[in-house]
Protein backbone atom coordinates (compact mmCIF):
# COMPACT_ATOMS: atom_id res chain seq x y z
CA MET A 1 0.00 0.00 0.00
CA THR A 2 1.30 3.42 -0.94
CA ALA A 3 0.40 6.55 0.92
CA GLU A 4 -0.59 9.50 -1.23
CA LYS A 5 1.66 12.52 -0.98
CA PRO A 6 -0.04 15.72 0.10
CA ASP A 7 -0.41 18.30 -2.64
CA LEU A 8 1.98 21.05 -1.59
CA LEU A 9 0.74 23.45 -4.27
CA ARG A 10 -2.98 23.17 -3.56
CA ASN A 11 -3.10 26.68 -2.06
CA GLU A 12 -1.09 28.34 -4.85
CA ARG A 13 -2.63 30.39 -7.63
CA PHE A 14 -2.87 28.43 -10.90
CA HIS A 15 -1.29 25.53 -8.97
CA LEU A 16 2.17 27.08 -9.49
CA LYS A 17 4.72 28.61 -7.15
CA PRO A 18 5.03 32.40 -7.55
CA TYR A 19 8.33 32.26 -9.49
CA ASP A 20 7.02 29.60 -11.86
CA ARG A 21 3.75 31.49 -12.27
CA LEU A 22 5.60 34.71 -13.12
CA MET A 23 7.78 32.96 -15.70
CA ALA A 24 4.75 31.27 -17.26
CA VAL A 25 2.64 34.42 -17.55
CA ALA A 26 5.61 36.49 -18.75
CA THR A 27 6.31 33.99 -21.51
CA LEU A 28 2.68 33.50 -22.49
CA SER A 29 1.86 37.22 -22.52
CA GLY A 30 5.06 37.92 -24.46
CA VAL A 31 4.09 35.36 -27.10
CA ILE A 32 0.59 36.83 -27.36
CA GLY A 33 2.06 40.33 -27.61
CA VAL A 34 4.45 39.21 -30.36
CA GLY A 35 1.57 37.74 -32.34
CA LEU A 36 -0.59 40.84 -31.97
CA GLY A 37 2.33 43.15 -32.71
CA LEU A 38 3.28 41.21 -35.82
CA TYR A 39 -0.28 41.36 -37.12
CA GLU A 40 -0.71 45.05 -36.29
CA GLY A 41 2.69 46.01 -37.71
CA ILE A 42 2.08 44.17 -40.98
CA LYS A 43 -1.41 45.61 -41.39
CA THR A 44 -0.32 49.18 -40.63
CA SER A 45 2.80 49.09 -42.80
CA SER A 46 0.84 47.60 -45.71
CA LEU A 47 -1.58 50.52 -45.66
CA ARG A 48 1.24 53.02 -45.13
CA TYR A 49 3.18 51.62 -48.09
CA LEU A 50 0.12 51.86 -50.33
CA THR A 51 -0.52 55.43 -49.17
CA GLU A 52 3.06 56.52 -49.73
CA ASN A 53 3.24 54.98 -53.20
CA ALA A 54 -0.30 55.55 -54.50
CA HIS A 55 0.85 58.38 -56.77
CA ARG A 56 3.38 56.18 -58.59
CA LEU A 57 1.85 52.74 -59.00
CA PRO A 58 3.66 50.46 -61.47
CA THR A 59 2.37 50.00 -65.00
CA THR A 60 4.26 46.87 -66.10
CA VAL A 61 4.25 43.28 -64.88
CA GLY A 62 7.87 43.61 -63.76
CA GLY A 63 7.05 46.83 -61.97
CA TRP A 64 4.25 45.14 -60.05
CA TYR A 65 6.59 42.30 -59.14
CA PHE A 66 9.13 44.67 -57.58
CA TYR A 67 6.36 46.77 -56.00
CA HIS A 68 5.03 43.73 -54.11
CA LYS A 69 8.54 42.46 -53.35
CA LYS A 70 9.46 45.77 -51.71
CA LYS A 71 6.07 46.02 -50.00
CA ASN A 72 6.44 42.55 -48.48
CA TYR A 73 9.95 43.38 -47.28
CA VAL A 74 8.73 46.60 -45.64
CA MET A 75 5.78 44.76 -44.08
CA VAL A 76 7.97 42.03 -42.55
CA ILE A 77 10.49 44.50 -41.14
CA SER A 78 7.79 46.74 -39.68
CA GLY A 79 5.85 43.75 -38.36
CA CYS A 80 8.93 42.40 -36.57
CA LYS A 81 9.62 45.79 -34.98
CA GLN A 82 6.05 46.04 -33.73
CA ALA A 83 6.17 42.42 -32.54
CA VAL A 84 9.16 43.16 -30.32
CA LYS A 85 7.50 46.32 -28.94
CA TYR A 86 4.16 44.66 -28.20
CA GLY A 87 5.74 41.49 -26.83
CA THR A 88 7.88 43.49 -24.44
CA LYS A 89 5.01 45.74 -23.33
CA TYR A 90 2.61 42.85 -22.76
CA SER A 91 5.20 40.78 -20.94
CA ILE A 92 6.22 43.63 -18.63
CA GLY A 93 2.63 44.70 -17.95
CA VAL A 94 1.24 41.26 -17.17
CA SER A 95 4.32 40.27 -15.19
CA SER A 96 4.04 43.46 -13.14
CA PHE A 97 0.43 42.64 -12.29
CA PHE A 98 1.24 39.10 -11.20
CA LEU A 99 4.37 40.24 -9.34
CA LEU A 100 2.32 42.81 -7.43
CA GLU A 101 -0.30 40.16 -6.70
CA ALA A 102 2.35 37.73 -5.40
CA GLY A 103 3.87 40.51 -3.29
CA LEU A 104 0.50 41.28 -1.73
CA ASP A 105 -0.03 37.56 -1.06
CA TYR A 106 3.32 37.48 0.72
CA VAL A 107 2.72 40.66 2.74
CA ARG A 108 -0.82 39.68 3.82
CA HIS A 109 0.11 36.00 4.39
CA THR A 110 -3.03 34.93 2.57
CA THR A 111 -4.05 34.13 -0.98
CA ASP A 112 -7.45 35.53 -1.89
CA PHE A 113 -9.35 37.72 -4.33
CA LEU A 114 -8.63 40.89 -2.35
CA ASN A 115 -4.95 40.83 -3.33
CA THR A 116 -5.85 40.30 -6.98
CA THR A 117 -8.39 43.12 -6.90
CA LEU A 118 -5.96 45.52 -5.25
CA ALA A 119 -3.22 44.60 -7.73
CA GLY A 120 -5.59 45.13 -10.67
CA THR A 121 -6.76 48.46 -9.29
CA LEU A 122 -3.21 49.71 -8.77
CA MET A 123 -2.09 48.54 -12.22
CA ALA A 124 -5.10 50.19 -13.89
CA PHE A 125 -4.38 53.44 -12.03
CA ALA A 126 -0.70 53.29 -13.01
CA HIS A 127 -1.60 52.60 -16.64
CA GLY A 128 -4.16 55.41 -16.73
CA THR A 129 -1.66 57.81 -15.20
CA SER A 130 1.13 56.81 -17.57
CA LYS A 131 -1.17 57.34 -20.56
CA GLN A 132 -2.13 60.78 -19.18
CA MET A 133 -5.85 60.07 -19.14
CA SER A 134 -8.27 62.65 -17.83
CA ARG A 135 -9.67 62.17 -14.34
CA VAL A 136 -12.95 60.71 -15.66
CA GLN A 137 -11.22 58.37 -18.11
CA ARG A 138 -8.79 57.21 -15.42
CA PHE A 139 -11.67 56.61 -12.98
CA ASN A 140 -13.51 54.48 -15.55
CA HIS A 141 -10.26 52.69 -16.39
CA VAL A 142 -9.66 51.90 -12.71
CA LYS A 143 -13.27 50.67 -12.29
CA LYS A 144 -12.90 48.28 -15.22
CA GLY A 145 -9.48 47.11 -14.03
CA ALA A 146 -10.79 46.49 -10.51
CA PHE A 147 -13.81 44.59 -11.80
CA LEU A 148 -11.74 42.38 -14.11
CA ALA A 149 -9.23 41.73 -11.33
CA LEU A 150 -12.08 40.88 -8.94
CA MET A 151 -13.42 38.33 -11.42
CA LEU A 152 -9.92 36.88 -11.91
CA GLY A 153 -9.40 36.67 -8.15
CA ILE A 154 -12.72 34.94 -7.55
CA GLY A 155 -11.94 32.52 -10.38
CA GLN A 156 -8.54 31.75 -8.87
CA ASP A 157 -10.10 31.23 -5.44
CA PHE A 158 -12.67 28.90 -6.98
CA LEU A 159 -9.90 26.82 -8.59
CA ILE A 160 -7.98 26.68 -5.29
CA SER A 161 -11.10 25.63 -3.41
CA ALA A 162 -12.06 23.06 -6.06
CA ARG A 163 -8.76 21.20 -5.65
CA GLY A 164 -9.05 21.15 -1.86
CA GLY A 165 -7.07 24.27 -1.01
CA ASP A 166 -7.83 26.67 1.80
CA VAL A 167 -9.70 29.86 0.98
CA TRP A 168 -10.62 31.70 4.17
CA TYR A 169 -14.07 32.95 3.20
CA VAL A 170 -15.07 29.61 1.66
CA ASN A 171 -13.96 27.84 4.85
CA LYS A 172 -16.00 30.30 6.96
CA PHE A 173 -19.04 29.76 4.75
CA LYS A 174 -18.68 25.97 5.02
CA ALA A 175 -18.33 26.22 8.82
CA PHE A 176 -21.40 28.47 8.95
CA GLU A 177 -23.40 25.99 6.87
CA ARG A 178 -22.19 23.10 9.03
CA ASP A 179 -23.19 24.94 12.22
CA ARG A 180 -26.56 25.86 10.76
CA ALA A 181 -27.21 22.24 9.77
CA THR A 182 -26.59 21.02 13.33
CA ILE A 183 -29.16 23.44 14.80
């Protein structure tokens, strides 16, 4: 008979230690940013190339060949530049959010949706400030960021609770239900 090992990561977000979680989200968000940047860069540079050369479109078959050859070259170069920019921005932004969340978990000695909500609110405020939004725009930006972070935090708490982890408010609710059932 073999004894089952206790799951040491059952109380961790996404079932990963903070360092592993940061590396995973940094990589994944960077890859997503690269894909979006590549698409956006290619699309924008294609339209820019057409705009810049609309007054001198080729008239021969050979001219069209070199037009498209140059256009494709410009599109790939511009797409790669945008891919690096977007990938870096996404990776830094998402990693900052999860790093702040992990820091709040460490400081509060608990893992719950409040840390996620606070991290999302602070990141939305920082983003709104860095983009120099007006007070009303920044307020709406912070509201949306806080709401999305709240939903993410509740989802993470649900996953932790579903695999047998400890979530303080779920444990209190279960104890309350247990006490109410005995009355």
